[in-house]
Amino acid sequence: MTEVLNVLLLLFLIACAVGVAYIRDLLSAVILFSSFGLIMAIIWQQLSAPDVAMVEAALGTGVVALLLIAAISKTKRAE
């Protein structure tokens, strides 16, 4: 059961990475990147590294996403 979960997490991780690379909307890319960080935190937890998982969840999902959203808010949208 755990191997199936790990494979699904890895597939979702790859899908998020490819999605971030190809998506055109910046806010959607930040949301996908934040979900990438959350999935990485779950994978670190599965690998028995709870300290790394907590740092990844705090920084990769929270702080970086807030900084990127703040940077996007300073830019102008071109249609």
PDB file of N, CA and C in Angstrom:
ATOM      1  N   MET A   1       0.829  -1.202   0.000  1.00  0.00           N
ATOM      2  CA  MET A   1       0.000   0.000   0.000  1.00  0.00           C
ATOM      3  C   MET A   1       0.869   1.258   0.000  1.00  0.00           C
ATOM      4  N   THR A   2       1.951   1.217   0.751  1.00  0.00           N
ATOM      5  CA  THR A   2       2.819   2.396   0.826  1.00  0.00           C
ATOM      6  C   THR A   2       3.513   2.648  -0.503  1.00  0.00           C
ATOM      7  N   GLU A   3       3.856   1.568  -1.214  1.00  0.00           N
ATOM      8  CA  GLU A   3       4.512   1.756  -2.498  1.00  0.00           C
ATOM      9  C   GLU A   3       3.575   2.403  -3.509  1.00  0.00           C
ATOM     10  N   VAL A   4       2.312   2.050  -3.457  1.00  0.00           N
ATOM     11  CA  VAL A   4       1.336   2.664  -4.356  1.00  0.00           C
ATOM     12  C   VAL A   4       1.208   4.156  -4.043  1.00  0.00           C
ATOM     13  N   LEU A   5       1.179   4.499  -2.760  1.00  0.00           N
ATOM     14  CA  LEU A   5       1.110   5.903  -2.357  1.00  0.00           C
ATOM     15  C   LEU A   5       2.355   6.653  -2.814  1.00  0.00           C
ATOM     16  N   ASN A   6       3.526   6.043  -2.664  1.00  0.00           N
ATOM     17  CA  ASN A   6       4.766   6.696  -3.093  1.00  0.00           C
ATOM     18  C   ASN A   6       4.793   6.924  -4.602  1.00  0.00           C
ATOM     19  N   VAL A   7       4.322   5.953  -5.358  1.00  0.00           N
ATOM     20  CA  VAL A   7       4.275   6.103  -6.813  1.00  0.00           C
ATOM     21  C   VAL A   7       3.301   7.211  -7.198  1.00  0.00           C
ATOM     22  N   LEU A   8       2.149   7.267  -6.561  1.00  0.00           N
ATOM     23  CA  LEU A   8       1.180   8.325  -6.849  1.00  0.00           C
ATOM     24  C   LEU A   8       1.730   9.701  -6.487  1.00  0.00           C
ATOM     25  N   LEU A   9       2.425   9.784  -5.359  1.00  0.00           N
ATOM     26  CA  LEU A   9       3.031  11.053  -4.969  1.00  0.00           C
ATOM     27  C   LEU A   9       4.088  11.494  -5.975  1.00  0.00           C
ATOM     28  N   LEU A  10       4.903  10.564  -6.427  1.00  0.00           N
ATOM     29  CA  LEU A  10       5.929  10.900  -7.412  1.00  0.00           C
ATOM     30  C   LEU A  10       5.318  11.324  -8.745  1.00  0.00           C
ATOM     31  N   LEU A  11       4.249  10.657  -9.164  1.00  0.00           N
ATOM     32  CA  LEU A  11       3.584  11.047 -10.404  1.00  0.00           C
ATOM     33  C   LEU A  11       2.973  12.439 -10.291  1.00  0.00           C
ATOM     34  N   PHE A  12       2.359  12.722  -9.152  1.00  0.00           N
ATOM     35  CA  PHE A  12       1.788  14.045  -8.945  1.00  0.00           C
ATOM     36  C   PHE A  12       2.890  15.095  -8.864  1.00  0.00           C
ATOM     37  N   LEU A  13       4.027  14.741  -8.284  1.00  0.00           N
ATOM     38  CA  LEU A  13       5.163  15.652  -8.205  1.00  0.00           C
ATOM     39  C   LEU A  13       5.681  15.997  -9.599  1.00  0.00           C
ATOM     40  N   ILE A  14       5.797  14.995 -10.451  1.00  0.00           N
ATOM     41  CA  ILE A  14       6.243  15.223 -11.829  1.00  0.00           C
ATOM     42  C   ILE A  14       5.222  16.069 -12.583  1.00  0.00           C
ATOM     43  N   ALA A  15       3.936  15.791 -12.369  1.00  0.00           N
ATOM     44  CA  ALA A  15       2.888  16.567 -13.040  1.00  0.00           C
ATOM     45  C   ALA A  15       2.931  18.032 -12.599  1.00  0.00           C
ATOM     46  N   CYS A  16       3.168  18.281 -11.325  1.00  0.00           N
ATOM     47  CA  CYS A  16       3.274  19.660 -10.842  1.00  0.00           C
ATOM     48  C   CYS A  16       4.484  20.361 -11.450  1.00  0.00           C
ATOM     49  N   ALA A  17       5.611  19.671 -11.520  1.00  0.00           N
ATOM     50  CA  ALA A  17       6.824  20.271 -12.087  1.00  0.00           C
ATOM     51  C   ALA A  17       6.638  20.610 -13.558  1.00  0.00           C
ATOM     52  N   VAL A  18       6.048  19.704 -14.313  1.00  0.00           N
ATOM     53  CA  VAL A  18       5.803  19.967 -15.730  1.00  0.00           C
ATOM     54  C   VAL A  18       4.773  21.074 -15.890  1.00  0.00           C
ATOM     55  N   GLY A  19       3.759  21.073 -15.049  1.00  0.00           N
ATOM     56  CA  GLY A  19       2.740  22.116 -15.105  1.00  0.00           C
ATOM     57  C   GLY A  19       3.297  23.494 -14.822  1.00  0.00           C
ATOM     58  N   VAL A  20       4.184  23.604 -13.840  1.00  0.00           N
ATOM     59  CA  VAL A  20       4.804  24.892 -13.533  1.00  0.00           C
ATOM     60  C   VAL A  20       5.634  25.378 -14.712  1.00  0.00           C
ATOM     61  N   ALA A  21       6.294  24.462 -15.392  1.00  0.00           N
ATOM     62  CA  ALA A  21       7.150  24.853 -16.514  1.00  0.00           C
ATOM     63  C   ALA A  21       6.335  25.327 -17.714  1.00  0.00           C
ATOM     64  N   TYR A  22       5.147  24.773 -17.924  1.00  0.00           N
ATOM     65  CA  TYR A  22       4.387  25.074 -19.135  1.00  0.00           C
ATOM     66  C   TYR A  22       3.232  26.050 -18.949  1.00  0.00           C
ATOM     67  N   ILE A  23       2.827  26.341 -17.729  1.00  0.00           N
ATOM     68  CA  ILE A  23       1.658  27.194 -17.519  1.00  0.00           C
ATOM     69  C   ILE A  23       2.021  28.653 -17.800  1.00  0.00           C
ATOM     70  N   ARG A  24       1.081  29.405 -18.345  1.00  0.00           N
ATOM     71  CA  ARG A  24       1.356  30.790 -18.736  1.00  0.00           C
ATOM     72  C   ARG A  24       0.951  31.794 -17.663  1.00  0.00           C
ATOM     73  N   ASP A  25      -0.048  31.471 -16.876  1.00  0.00           N
ATOM     74  CA  ASP A  25      -0.513  32.383 -15.836  1.00  0.00           C
ATOM     75  C   ASP A  25       0.399  32.278 -14.616  1.00  0.00           C
ATOM     76  N   LEU A  26       0.916  33.413 -14.159  1.00  0.00           N
ATOM     77  CA  LEU A  26       1.884  33.402 -13.064  1.00  0.00           C
ATOM     78  C   LEU A  26       1.279  32.947 -11.744  1.00  0.00           C
ATOM     79  N   LEU A  27       0.071  33.385 -11.444  1.00  0.00           N
ATOM     80  CA  LEU A  27      -0.554  32.997 -10.189  1.00  0.00           C
ATOM     81  C   LEU A  27      -0.840  31.494 -10.149  1.00  0.00           C
ATOM     82  N   SER A  28      -1.261  30.944 -11.256  1.00  0.00           N
ATOM     83  CA  SER A  28      -1.483  29.499 -11.324  1.00  0.00           C
ATOM     84  C   SER A  28      -0.171  28.744 -11.173  1.00  0.00           C
ATOM     85  N   ALA A  29       0.899  29.289 -11.712  1.00  0.00           N
ATOM     86  CA  ALA A  29       2.209  28.659 -11.563  1.00  0.00           C
ATOM     87  C   ALA A  29       2.658  28.674 -10.109  1.00  0.00           C
ATOM     88  N   VAL A  30       2.378  29.744  -9.391  1.00  0.00           N
ATOM     89  CA  VAL A  30       2.733  29.813  -7.971  1.00  0.00           C
ATOM     90  C   VAL A  30       1.923  28.806  -7.170  1.00  0.00           C
ATOM     91  N   ILE A  31       0.661  28.652  -7.499  1.00  0.00           N
ATOM     92  CA  ILE A  31      -0.181  27.675  -6.796  1.00  0.00           C
ATOM     93  C   ILE A  31       0.318  26.261  -7.050  1.00  0.00           C
ATOM     94  N   LEU A  32       0.684  25.956  -8.289  1.00  0.00           N
ATOM     95  CA  LEU A  32       1.241  24.640  -8.596  1.00  0.00           C
ATOM     96  C   LEU A  32       2.577  24.426  -7.904  1.00  0.00           C
ATOM     97  N   PHE A  33       3.399  25.476  -7.855  1.00  0.00           N
ATOM     98  CA  PHE A  33       4.690  25.370  -7.180  1.00  0.00           C
ATOM     99  C   PHE A  33       4.508  25.144  -5.684  1.00  0.00           C
ATOM    100  N   SER A  34       3.497  25.764  -5.117  1.00  0.00           N
ATOM    101  CA  SER A  34       3.196  25.562  -3.702  1.00  0.00           C
ATOM    102  C   SER A  34       2.714  24.136  -3.443  1.00  0.00           C
ATOM    103  N   SER A  35       1.917  23.595  -4.357  1.00  0.00           N
ATOM    104  CA  SER A  35       1.491  22.200  -4.200  1.00  0.00           C
ATOM    105  C   SER A  35       2.667  21.246  -4.394  1.00  0.00           C
ATOM    106  N   PHE A  36       3.631  21.629  -5.238  1.00  0.00           N
ATOM    107  CA  PHE A  36       4.867  20.860  -5.384  1.00  0.00           C
ATOM    108  C   PHE A  36       5.598  20.781  -4.044  1.00  0.00           C
ATOM    109  N   GLY A  37       5.694  21.909  -3.344  1.00  0.00           N
ATOM    110  CA  GLY A  37       6.349  21.919  -2.036  1.00  0.00           C
ATOM    111  C   GLY A  37       5.611  21.075  -1.011  1.00  0.00           C
ATOM    112  N   LEU A  38       4.292  21.094  -1.065  1.00  0.00           N
ATOM    113  CA  LEU A  38       3.500  20.284  -0.138  1.00  0.00           C
ATOM    114  C   LEU A  38       3.689  18.793  -0.397  1.00  0.00           C
ATOM    115  N   ILE A  39       3.698  18.407  -1.651  1.00  0.00           N
ATOM    116  CA  ILE A  39       3.933  16.999  -1.997  1.00  0.00           C
ATOM    117  C   ILE A  39       5.343  16.584  -1.595  1.00  0.00           C
ATOM    118  N   MET A  40       6.320  17.479  -1.781  1.00  0.00           N
ATOM    119  CA  MET A  40       7.687  17.165  -1.349  1.00  0.00           C
ATOM    120  C   MET A  40       7.758  16.968   0.155  1.00  0.00           C
ATOM    121  N   ALA A  41       7.005  17.765   0.911  1.00  0.00           N
ATOM    122  CA  ALA A  41       6.973  17.596   2.362  1.00  0.00           C
ATOM    123  C   ALA A  41       6.391  16.238   2.742  1.00  0.00           C
ATOM    124  N   ILE A  42       5.359  15.810   2.031  1.00  0.00           N
ATOM    125  CA  ILE A  42       4.780  14.490   2.306  1.00  0.00           C
ATOM    126  C   ILE A  42       5.777  13.388   1.958  1.00  0.00           C
ATOM    127  N   ILE A  43       6.504  13.564   0.864  1.00  0.00           N
ATOM    128  CA  ILE A  43       7.501  12.560   0.480  1.00  0.00           C
ATOM    129  C   ILE A  43       8.625  12.500   1.514  1.00  0.00           C
ATOM    130  N   TRP A  44       9.084  13.651   1.995  1.00  0.00           N
ATOM    131  CA  TRP A  44      10.108  13.649   3.039  1.00  0.00           C
ATOM    132  C   TRP A  44       9.603  12.947   4.291  1.00  0.00           C
ATOM    133  N   GLN A  45       8.343  13.130   4.615  1.00  0.00           N
ATOM    134  CA  GLN A  45       7.773  12.435   5.777  1.00  0.00           C
ATOM    135  C   GLN A  45       7.754  10.929   5.547  1.00  0.00           C
ATOM    136  N   GLN A  46       7.430  10.511   4.330  1.00  0.00           N
ATOM    137  CA  GLN A  46       7.440   9.085   3.999  1.00  0.00           C
ATOM    138  C   GLN A  46       8.845   8.498   4.081  1.00  0.00           C
ATOM    139  N   LEU A  47       9.849   9.324   3.843  1.00  0.00           N
ATOM    140  CA  LEU A  47      11.238   8.874   3.903  1.00  0.00           C
ATOM    141  C   LEU A  47      11.821   8.968   5.316  1.00  0.00           C
ATOM    142  N   SER A  48      10.969   9.166   6.309  1.00  0.00           N
ATOM    143  CA  SER A  48      11.348   9.240   7.729  1.00  0.00           C
ATOM    144  C   SER A  48      12.300  10.394   8.017  1.00  0.00           C
ATOM    145  N   ALA A  49      12.008  11.536   7.444  1.00  0.00           N
ATOM    146  CA  ALA A  49      12.774  12.749   7.720  1.00  0.00           C
ATOM    147  C   ALA A  49      11.807  13.863   8.120  1.00  0.00           C
ATOM    148  N   PRO A  50      11.256  13.790   9.338  1.00  0.00           N
ATOM    149  CA  PRO A  50      10.220  14.755   9.720  1.00  0.00           C
ATOM    150  C   PRO A  50      10.748  16.182   9.852  1.00  0.00           C
ATOM    151  N   ASP A  51      12.019  16.350  10.219  1.00  0.00           N
ATOM    152  CA  ASP A  51      12.560  17.699  10.327  1.00  0.00           C
ATOM    153  C   ASP A  51      12.647  18.369   8.963  1.00  0.00           C
ATOM    154  N   VAL A  52      13.082  17.630   7.959  1.00  0.00           N
ATOM    155  CA  VAL A  52      13.158  18.163   6.606  1.00  0.00           C
ATOM    156  C   VAL A  52      11.743  18.415   6.072  1.00  0.00           C
ATOM    157  N   ALA A  53      10.803  17.543   6.419  1.00  0.00           N
ATOM    158  CA  ALA A  53       9.421  17.709   5.965  1.00  0.00           C
ATOM    159  C   ALA A  53       8.804  18.986   6.538  1.00  0.00           C
ATOM    160  N   MET A  54       9.080  19.270   7.809  1.00  0.00           N
ATOM    161  CA  MET A  54       8.525  20.487   8.409  1.00  0.00           C
ATOM    162  C   MET A  54       9.117  21.743   7.787  1.00  0.00           C
ATOM    163  N   VAL A  55      10.417  21.722   7.516  1.00  0.00           N
ATOM    164  CA  VAL A  55      11.048  22.882   6.885  1.00  0.00           C
ATOM    165  C   VAL A  55      10.523  23.054   5.465  1.00  0.00           C
ATOM    166  N   GLU A  56      10.371  21.962   4.739  1.00  0.00           N
ATOM    167  CA  GLU A  56       9.835  22.041   3.374  1.00  0.00           C
ATOM    168  C   GLU A  56       8.403  22.562   3.378  1.00  0.00           C
ATOM    169  N   ALA A  57       7.613  22.121   4.334  1.00  0.00           N
ATOM    170  CA  ALA A  57       6.227  22.591   4.401  1.00  0.00           C
ATOM    171  C   ALA A  57       6.173  24.070   4.750  1.00  0.00           C
ATOM    172  N   ALA A  58       7.023  24.498   5.663  1.00  0.00           N
ATOM    173  CA  ALA A  58       6.999  25.902   6.078  1.00  0.00           C
ATOM    174  C   ALA A  58       7.566  26.815   5.003  1.00  0.00           C
ATOM    175  N   LEU A  59       8.704  26.452   4.458  1.00  0.00           N
ATOM    176  CA  LEU A  59       9.357  27.322   3.473  1.00  0.00           C
ATOM    177  C   LEU A  59       8.829  27.091   2.065  1.00  0.00           C
ATOM    178  N   GLY A  60       8.821  25.830   1.627  1.00  0.00           N
ATOM    179  CA  GLY A  60       8.437  25.533   0.258  1.00  0.00           C
ATOM    180  C   GLY A  60       6.986  25.823  -0.042  1.00  0.00           C
ATOM    181  N   THR A  61       6.136  25.650   0.925  1.00  0.00           N
ATOM    182  CA  THR A  61       4.711  25.871   0.696  1.00  0.00           C
ATOM    183  C   THR A  61       4.266  27.258   1.145  1.00  0.00           C
ATOM    184  N   GLY A  62       4.776  27.712   2.277  1.00  0.00           N
ATOM    185  CA  GLY A  62       4.287  28.962   2.844  1.00  0.00           C
ATOM    186  C   GLY A  62       5.045  30.202   2.444  1.00  0.00           C
ATOM    187  N   VAL A  63       6.276  30.306   2.874  1.00  0.00           N
ATOM    188  CA  VAL A  63       7.037  31.544   2.727  1.00  0.00           C
ATOM    189  C   VAL A  63       7.327  31.858   1.265  1.00  0.00           C
ATOM    190  N   VAL A  64       7.785  30.861   0.523  1.00  0.00           N
ATOM    191  CA  VAL A  64       8.115  31.096  -0.888  1.00  0.00           C
ATOM    192  C   VAL A  64       6.866  31.485  -1.679  1.00  0.00           C
ATOM    193  N   ALA A  65       5.754  30.843  -1.401  1.00  0.00           N
ATOM    194  CA  ALA A  65       4.517  31.184  -2.104  1.00  0.00           C
ATOM    195  C   ALA A  65       4.095  32.624  -1.795  1.00  0.00           C
ATOM    196  N   LEU A  66       4.213  33.031  -0.544  1.00  0.00           N
ATOM    197  CA  LEU A  66       3.861  34.410  -0.194  1.00  0.00           C
ATOM    198  C   LEU A  66       4.790  35.413  -0.870  1.00  0.00           C
ATOM    199  N   LEU A  67       6.072  35.115  -0.913  1.00  0.00           N
ATOM    200  CA  LEU A  67       7.016  36.016  -1.578  1.00  0.00           C
ATOM    201  C   LEU A  67       6.746  36.101  -3.082  1.00  0.00           C
ATOM    202  N   LEU A  68       6.442  34.979  -3.709  1.00  0.00           N
ATOM    203  CA  LEU A  68       6.153  34.998  -5.140  1.00  0.00           C
ATOM    204  C   LEU A  68       4.852  35.739  -5.440  1.00  0.00           C
ATOM    205  N   ILE A  69       3.849  35.568  -4.597  1.00  0.00           N
ATOM    206  CA  ILE A  69       2.588  36.294  -4.794  1.00  0.00           C
ATOM    207  C   ILE A  69       2.798  37.784  -4.598  1.00  0.00           C
ATOM    208  N   ALA A  70       3.639  38.166  -3.629  1.00  0.00           N
ATOM    209  CA  ALA A  70       3.949  39.585  -3.439  1.00  0.00           C
ATOM    210  C   ALA A  70       4.681  40.143  -4.647  1.00  0.00           C
ATOM    211  N   ALA A  71       5.581  39.362  -5.229  1.00  0.00           N
ATOM    212  CA  ALA A  71       6.300  39.821  -6.417  1.00  0.00           C
ATOM    213  C   ALA A  71       5.348  39.940  -7.607  1.00  0.00           C
ATOM    214  N   ILE A  72       4.422  39.011  -7.750  1.00  0.00           N
ATOM    215  CA  ILE A  72       3.448  39.070  -8.846  1.00  0.00           C
ATOM    216  C   ILE A  72       2.545  40.291  -8.693  1.00  0.00           C
ATOM    217  N   SER A  73       2.200  40.626  -7.451  1.00  0.00           N
ATOM    218  CA  SER A  73       1.317  41.770  -7.246  1.00  0.00           C
ATOM    219  C   SER A  73       1.991  43.080  -7.650  1.00  0.00           C
ATOM    220  N   LYS A  74       3.318  43.106  -7.692  1.00  0.00           N
ATOM    221  CA  LYS A  74       4.045  44.319  -8.099  1.00  0.00           C
ATOM    222  C   LYS A  74       4.173  44.455  -9.617  1.00  0.00           C
ATOM    223  N   THR A  75       3.833  43.402 -10.344  1.00  0.00           N
ATOM    224  CA  THR A  75       3.955  43.453 -11.803  1.00  0.00           C
ATOM    225  C   THR A  75       2.616  43.845 -12.424  1.00  0.00           C
ATOM    226  N   LYS A  76       2.692  44.274 -13.673  1.00  0.00           N
ATOM    227  CA  LYS A  76       1.473  44.617 -14.407  1.00  0.00           C
ATOM    228  C   LYS A  76       1.108  43.464 -15.317  1.00  0.00           C
ATOM    229  N   ARG A  77      -0.164  43.212 -15.438  1.00  0.00           N
ATOM    230  CA  ARG A  77      -0.656  42.108 -16.276  1.00  0.00           C
ATOM    231  C   ARG A  77      -0.836  42.593 -17.706  1.00  0.00           C
ATOM    232  N   ALA A  78      -0.234  41.847 -18.628  1.00  0.00           N
ATOM    233  CA  ALA A  78      -0.383  42.175 -20.048  1.00  0.00           C
ATOM    234  C   ALA A  78      -1.295  41.130 -20.679  1.00  0.00           C
ATOM    235  N   GLU A  79      -2.320  41.581 -21.323  1.00  0.00           N
ATOM    236  CA  GLU A  79      -3.279  40.673 -21.956  1.00  0.00           C
ATOM    237  C   GLU A  79      -2.846  40.367 -23.355  1.00  0.00           C
TER     238      GLU A  79
END
